């Protein structure tokens, strides 16, 4: 999959894309401007799916938290359908290179700004892929992406 001009999403963007929230309109609008599939690493998709499953579990234990199984399973089904239809595209990633970039970013920013590993990993993946735009609704991750010269759509 060619990704040179495409943006790279984090999990917060995918959450807003597949579940109605305060950022969903912005996520939908950005998707409409895409020229081709939205590139996603296998890892960001794994984190997204894991977060859905965790929200289902939280809701099962306490109905005031997370969301129900029907909604979560519908989200998972939509992701599978979008992958099959080419709305989302899984990009090939050299994980050794991403890990090296992640370590560099961690050493550069974590002590001063408190970035989480998975957030750094997603920004590192975008850098590794040579992309110039990062999609996030997470303000701390936005700060990191911008510090590394990525344009952020939030």
Protein backbone atom coordinates (compact mmCIF):
# COMPACT_ATOMS: atom_id res chain seq x y z
CA UNK A 1 0.00 0.00 0.00
CA UNK A 2 1.40 3.41 -1.02
CA UNK A 3 1.21 5.82 1.93
CA UNK A 4 3.42 8.77 0.99
CA UNK A 5 0.68 11.43 1.10
CA UNK A 6 -1.66 9.73 3.56
CA UNK A 7 -2.09 10.64 7.23
CA UNK A 8 -1.46 8.15 10.04
CA UNK A 9 -4.15 7.65 12.73
CA UNK A 10 -3.73 6.91 16.39
CA UNK A 11 -6.23 4.96 18.47
CA UNK A 12 -8.14 8.06 19.58
CA UNK A 13 -8.87 8.89 15.94
CA UNK A 14 -10.05 5.35 15.24
CA UNK A 15 -12.27 5.43 18.33
CA UNK A 16 -13.95 8.61 17.10
CA UNK A 17 -14.31 7.10 13.66
CA UNK A 18 -16.03 3.92 14.83
CA UNK A 19 -18.00 5.16 17.84
CA UNK A 20 -20.02 8.35 18.14
CA UNK A 21 -18.30 10.86 20.40
CA UNK A 22 -17.50 14.59 20.49
CA UNK A 23 -14.81 14.18 17.79
CA UNK A 24 -16.69 11.87 15.40
CA UNK A 25 -17.79 14.62 13.02
CA UNK A 26 -14.19 15.77 12.62
CA UNK A 27 -12.98 12.21 12.10
CA UNK A 28 -15.66 11.57 9.48
CA UNK A 29 -14.87 14.84 7.71
CA UNK A 30 -11.16 13.98 7.55
CA UNK A 31 -11.94 10.54 6.15
CA UNK A 32 -14.01 12.10 3.36
CA UNK A 33 -10.95 14.08 2.25
CA UNK A 34 -8.76 10.98 1.92
CA UNK A 35 -7.54 9.92 -1.47
CA UNK A 36 -7.34 6.17 -0.94
CA UNK A 37 -7.25 3.98 2.16
CA UNK A 38 -6.29 5.24 5.59
CA UNK A 39 -2.99 3.52 6.44
CA UNK A 40 -2.86 1.76 9.78
CA UNK A 41 -0.19 -0.38 11.36
CA UNK A 42 -1.07 -3.81 12.64
CA UNK A 43 -0.19 -2.48 16.09
CA UNK A 44 -2.58 0.51 16.09
CA UNK A 45 -5.33 -1.85 14.93
CA UNK A 46 -4.43 -4.30 17.70
CA UNK A 47 -4.54 -1.53 20.32
CA UNK A 48 -7.88 -0.31 18.97
CA UNK A 49 -9.44 -3.78 19.03
CA UNK A 50 -8.03 -4.41 22.52
CA UNK A 51 -9.52 -1.14 23.77
CA UNK A 52 -12.94 -2.15 22.43
CA UNK A 53 -12.74 -5.52 24.16
CA UNK A 54 -11.67 -3.86 27.40
CA UNK A 55 -14.60 -1.42 27.25
CA UNK A 56 -16.97 -4.37 26.81
CA UNK A 57 -15.43 -6.04 29.87
CA UNK A 58 -15.67 -2.86 31.94
CA UNK A 59 -19.34 -2.48 30.99
CA UNK A 60 -20.07 -6.08 31.93
CA UNK A 61 -18.68 -5.44 35.41
CA UNK A 62 -20.21 -1.97 35.85
CA UNK A 63 -22.91 -0.71 33.47
CA UNK A 64 -21.83 2.91 34.05
CA UNK A 65 -18.46 2.23 32.40
CA UNK A 66 -17.40 1.33 28.89
CA UNK A 67 -20.02 0.17 26.41
CA UNK A 68 -22.05 -2.93 25.79
CA UNK A 69 -21.06 -6.03 23.87
CA UNK A 70 -23.48 -5.37 21.01
CA UNK A 71 -21.97 -1.95 20.35
CA UNK A 72 -18.40 -3.21 20.73
CA UNK A 73 -18.93 -6.18 18.44
CA UNK A 74 -20.57 -3.89 15.87
CA UNK A 75 -17.46 -1.68 15.98
CA UNK A 76 -15.19 -4.69 15.46
CA UNK A 77 -17.36 -5.81 12.54
CA UNK A 78 -17.14 -2.34 10.94
CA UNK A 79 -13.35 -2.38 11.20
CA UNK A 80 -13.20 -5.79 9.52
CA UNK A 81 -15.53 -4.54 6.77
CA UNK A 82 -13.47 -1.39 6.22
CA UNK A 83 -10.27 -3.44 6.00
CA UNK A 84 -11.91 -5.75 3.45
CA UNK A 85 -13.29 -2.81 1.46
CA UNK A 86 -9.99 -0.93 1.43
CA UNK A 87 -11.20 2.00 3.55
CA UNK A 88 -8.40 1.05 5.96
CA UNK A 89 -5.15 -0.44 4.75
CA UNK A 90 -2.59 -2.28 6.84
CA UNK A 91 0.87 -0.94 6.06
CA UNK A 92 4.09 -2.91 6.20
CA UNK A 93 6.30 -1.69 9.00
CA UNK A 94 9.91 -2.49 9.88
CA UNK A 95 9.36 -2.93 13.60
CA UNK A 96 13.08 -2.86 14.42
CA UNK A 97 13.31 0.61 12.88
CA UNK A 98 10.11 1.75 14.65
CA UNK A 99 11.54 0.49 17.94
CA UNK A 100 14.74 2.47 17.34
CA UNK A 101 12.76 5.65 16.58
CA UNK A 102 10.53 5.00 19.60
CA UNK A 103 13.56 4.68 21.89
CA UNK A 104 14.99 7.93 20.50
CA UNK A 105 11.70 9.79 21.05
CA UNK A 106 11.30 8.30 24.51
CA UNK A 107 14.76 9.49 25.54
CA UNK A 108 14.10 12.91 24.05
CA UNK A 109 10.61 13.63 25.45
CA UNK A 110 9.30 11.27 28.14
CA UNK A 111 11.02 12.69 31.20
CA UNK A 112 10.07 16.25 30.33
CA UNK A 113 6.57 15.67 28.95
CA UNK A 114 5.35 12.31 30.29
CA UNK A 115 4.51 10.56 27.03
CA UNK A 116 3.19 7.00 27.16
CA UNK A 117 4.91 4.22 25.25
CA UNK A 118 2.04 3.44 22.88
CA UNK A 119 1.64 7.11 21.97
CA UNK A 120 5.35 7.35 21.19
CA UNK A 121 5.14 4.14 19.17
CA UNK A 122 2.36 5.52 16.94
CA UNK A 123 4.25 8.76 16.28
CA UNK A 124 7.40 6.73 15.59
CA UNK A 125 5.47 4.59 13.11
CA UNK A 126 4.30 7.68 11.23
CA UNK A 127 7.88 8.96 11.12
CA UNK A 128 9.16 5.55 9.97
CA UNK A 129 6.61 5.53 7.15
CA UNK A 130 7.73 9.00 6.07
CA UNK A 131 4.28 10.51 6.59
CA UNK A 132 3.77 14.18 7.26
CA UNK A 133 0.30 14.16 8.86
CA UNK A 134 -0.83 12.54 12.11
CA UNK A 135 -4.47 12.09 13.14
CA UNK A 136 -5.18 12.30 16.87
CA UNK A 137 -7.60 13.76 19.40
CA UNK A 138 -5.12 13.18 22.25
CA UNK A 139 -3.54 16.53 23.19
CA UNK A 140 -0.36 15.02 24.66
CA UNK A 141 0.18 12.89 21.59
CA UNK A 142 -0.50 15.94 19.42
CA UNK A 143 2.27 17.78 21.23
CA UNK A 144 4.70 14.95 20.55
CA UNK A 145 3.77 14.65 16.87
CA UNK A 146 4.08 18.41 16.36
CA UNK A 147 7.43 18.47 18.17
CA UNK A 148 8.63 15.98 15.55
CA UNK A 149 7.41 18.11 12.66
CA UNK A 150 4.21 16.24 11.84
CA UNK A 151 1.13 18.23 10.88
CA UNK A 152 -1.64 17.20 13.24
CA UNK A 153 -5.29 16.98 12.38
CA UNK A 154 -7.32 16.92 15.55
